[in-house]
């Protein structure tokens, strides 16, 4: 399991992030404090506190490099 810090502080960033992460293979979750949602779910993401830095949880370490390349605009 790997983790990346993600910032999604605008609606446009959320839309772009969901499109980008949906094109990746594997399972990805986003967490904010004690809440965890599917990173490919736009409705789930909007239920999080987008004013904070979110944690992207990548279940398979072998997908980390592809995720970093595809999601570079959102990584903080």
C-alpha atoms as a PDB file:
ATOM      1  CA  UNK A   1       0.000   0.000   0.000  1.00  0.00           C
ATOM      2  CA  UNK A   2       1.241   3.488  -0.906  1.00  0.00           C
ATOM      3  CA  UNK A   3      -0.044   6.955  -0.095  1.00  0.00           C
ATOM      4  CA  UNK A   4       0.110  10.360  -1.779  1.00  0.00           C
ATOM      5  CA  UNK A   5      -1.066  13.761  -0.524  1.00  0.00           C
ATOM      6  CA  UNK A   6      -3.633  15.294  -2.863  1.00  0.00           C
ATOM      7  CA  UNK A   7      -5.179  18.774  -3.069  1.00  0.00           C
ATOM      8  CA  UNK A   8      -8.636  19.117  -4.646  1.00  0.00           C
ATOM      9  CA  UNK A   9      -9.627  22.646  -3.666  1.00  0.00           C
ATOM     10  CA  UNK A  10     -11.792  23.501  -6.702  1.00  0.00           C
ATOM     11  CA  UNK A  11     -14.660  21.804  -8.507  1.00  0.00           C
ATOM     12  CA  UNK A  12     -12.572  21.706 -11.689  1.00  0.00           C
ATOM     13  CA  UNK A  13      -9.777  19.892  -9.866  1.00  0.00           C
ATOM     14  CA  UNK A  14     -12.223  17.317  -8.504  1.00  0.00           C
ATOM     15  CA  UNK A  15     -13.615  16.655 -11.984  1.00  0.00           C
ATOM     16  CA  UNK A  16     -10.150  16.382 -13.519  1.00  0.00           C
ATOM     17  CA  UNK A  17      -8.918  14.153 -10.710  1.00  0.00           C
ATOM     18  CA  UNK A  18     -11.862  11.739 -11.045  1.00  0.00           C
ATOM     19  CA  UNK A  19     -11.330  11.512 -14.808  1.00  0.00           C
ATOM     20  CA  UNK A  20      -7.605  10.868 -14.345  1.00  0.00           C
ATOM     21  CA  UNK A  21      -7.873   8.317 -11.537  1.00  0.00           C
ATOM     22  CA  UNK A  22     -10.730   6.508 -13.315  1.00  0.00           C
ATOM     23  CA  UNK A  23      -8.416   5.830 -16.244  1.00  0.00           C
ATOM     24  CA  UNK A  24      -5.969   4.006 -13.954  1.00  0.00           C
ATOM     25  CA  UNK A  25      -6.144   0.308 -13.123  1.00  0.00           C
ATOM     26  CA  UNK A  26      -6.509  -0.737  -9.507  1.00  0.00           C
ATOM     27  CA  UNK A  27      -8.255   0.429  -6.372  1.00  0.00           C
ATOM     28  CA  UNK A  28      -7.752   3.933  -4.990  1.00  0.00           C
ATOM     29  CA  UNK A  29      -9.283   5.513  -1.903  1.00  0.00           C
ATOM     30  CA  UNK A  30      -9.247   9.096  -0.628  1.00  0.00           C
ATOM     31  CA  UNK A  31      -9.271   9.855   3.065  1.00  0.00           C
ATOM     32  CA  UNK A  32      -9.854  12.973   5.106  1.00  0.00           C
ATOM     33  CA  UNK A  33      -9.555  12.475   8.845  1.00  0.00           C
ATOM     34  CA  UNK A  34     -11.607   9.359   9.617  1.00  0.00           C
ATOM     35  CA  UNK A  35     -13.602   9.317   6.367  1.00  0.00           C
ATOM     36  CA  UNK A  36     -12.539   7.116   3.455  1.00  0.00           C
ATOM     37  CA  UNK A  37     -14.211   7.092   0.025  1.00  0.00           C
ATOM     38  CA  UNK A  38     -13.573   5.503  -3.368  1.00  0.00           C
ATOM     39  CA  UNK A  39     -11.309   7.920  -5.257  1.00  0.00           C
ATOM     40  CA  UNK A  40     -13.189   7.156  -8.479  1.00  0.00           C
ATOM     41  CA  UNK A  41     -16.493   8.395  -6.994  1.00  0.00           C
ATOM     42  CA  UNK A  42     -17.150  12.090  -7.580  1.00  0.00           C
ATOM     43  CA  UNK A  43     -20.036  12.053  -5.094  1.00  0.00           C
ATOM     44  CA  UNK A  44     -17.837  10.412  -2.475  1.00  0.00           C
ATOM     45  CA  UNK A  45     -15.116  13.016  -2.951  1.00  0.00           C
ATOM     46  CA  UNK A  46     -17.589  15.878  -2.516  1.00  0.00           C
ATOM     47  CA  UNK A  47     -18.516  14.406   0.878  1.00  0.00           C
ATOM     48  CA  UNK A  48     -14.956  15.044   2.118  1.00  0.00           C
ATOM     49  CA  UNK A  49     -13.511  18.290   3.499  1.00  0.00           C
ATOM     50  CA  UNK A  50     -11.887  19.637   0.331  1.00  0.00           C
ATOM     51  CA  UNK A  51     -10.299  22.504   2.232  1.00  0.00           C
ATOM     52  CA  UNK A  52      -7.769  20.037   3.633  1.00  0.00           C
ATOM     53  CA  UNK A  53      -5.051  18.007   1.980  1.00  0.00           C
ATOM     54  CA  UNK A  54      -6.443  14.539   1.249  1.00  0.00           C
ATOM     55  CA  UNK A  55      -4.606  11.253   1.396  1.00  0.00           C
ATOM     56  CA  UNK A  56      -4.759   9.041  -1.715  1.00  0.00           C
ATOM     57  CA  UNK A  57      -4.385   5.401  -0.734  1.00  0.00           C
ATOM     58  CA  UNK A  58      -3.083   3.130  -3.495  1.00  0.00           C
ATOM     59  CA  UNK A  59      -3.777  -0.503  -2.620  1.00  0.00           C
ATOM     60  CA  UNK A  60      -1.139  -1.979  -4.962  1.00  0.00           C
ATOM     61  CA  UNK A  61       2.426  -0.594  -4.674  1.00  0.00           C
ATOM     62  CA  UNK A  62       3.187  -1.540  -8.278  1.00  0.00           C
ATOM     63  CA  UNK A  63       0.680   1.116  -9.437  1.00  0.00           C
ATOM     64  CA  UNK A  64       2.440   3.980  -7.640  1.00  0.00           C
ATOM     65  CA  UNK A  65       4.573   5.187 -10.576  1.00  0.00           C
ATOM     66  CA  UNK A  66       1.603   5.248 -12.983  1.00  0.00           C
ATOM     67  CA  UNK A  67      -0.484   7.103 -10.405  1.00  0.00           C
ATOM     68  CA  UNK A  68       2.248   9.692  -9.799  1.00  0.00           C
ATOM     69  CA  UNK A  69       2.582  10.329 -13.527  1.00  0.00           C
ATOM     70  CA  UNK A  70      -1.163  10.597 -14.194  1.00  0.00           C
ATOM     71  CA  UNK A  71      -2.029  12.596 -11.050  1.00  0.00           C
ATOM     72  CA  UNK A  72       0.986  14.947 -10.916  1.00  0.00           C
ATOM     73  CA  UNK A  73      -1.213  18.065 -11.118  1.00  0.00           C
ATOM     74  CA  UNK A  74      -2.983  17.125  -7.866  1.00  0.00           C
ATOM     75  CA  UNK A  75      -0.064  15.921  -5.733  1.00  0.00           C
ATOM     76  CA  UNK A  76       1.193  18.274  -3.016  1.00  0.00           C
END
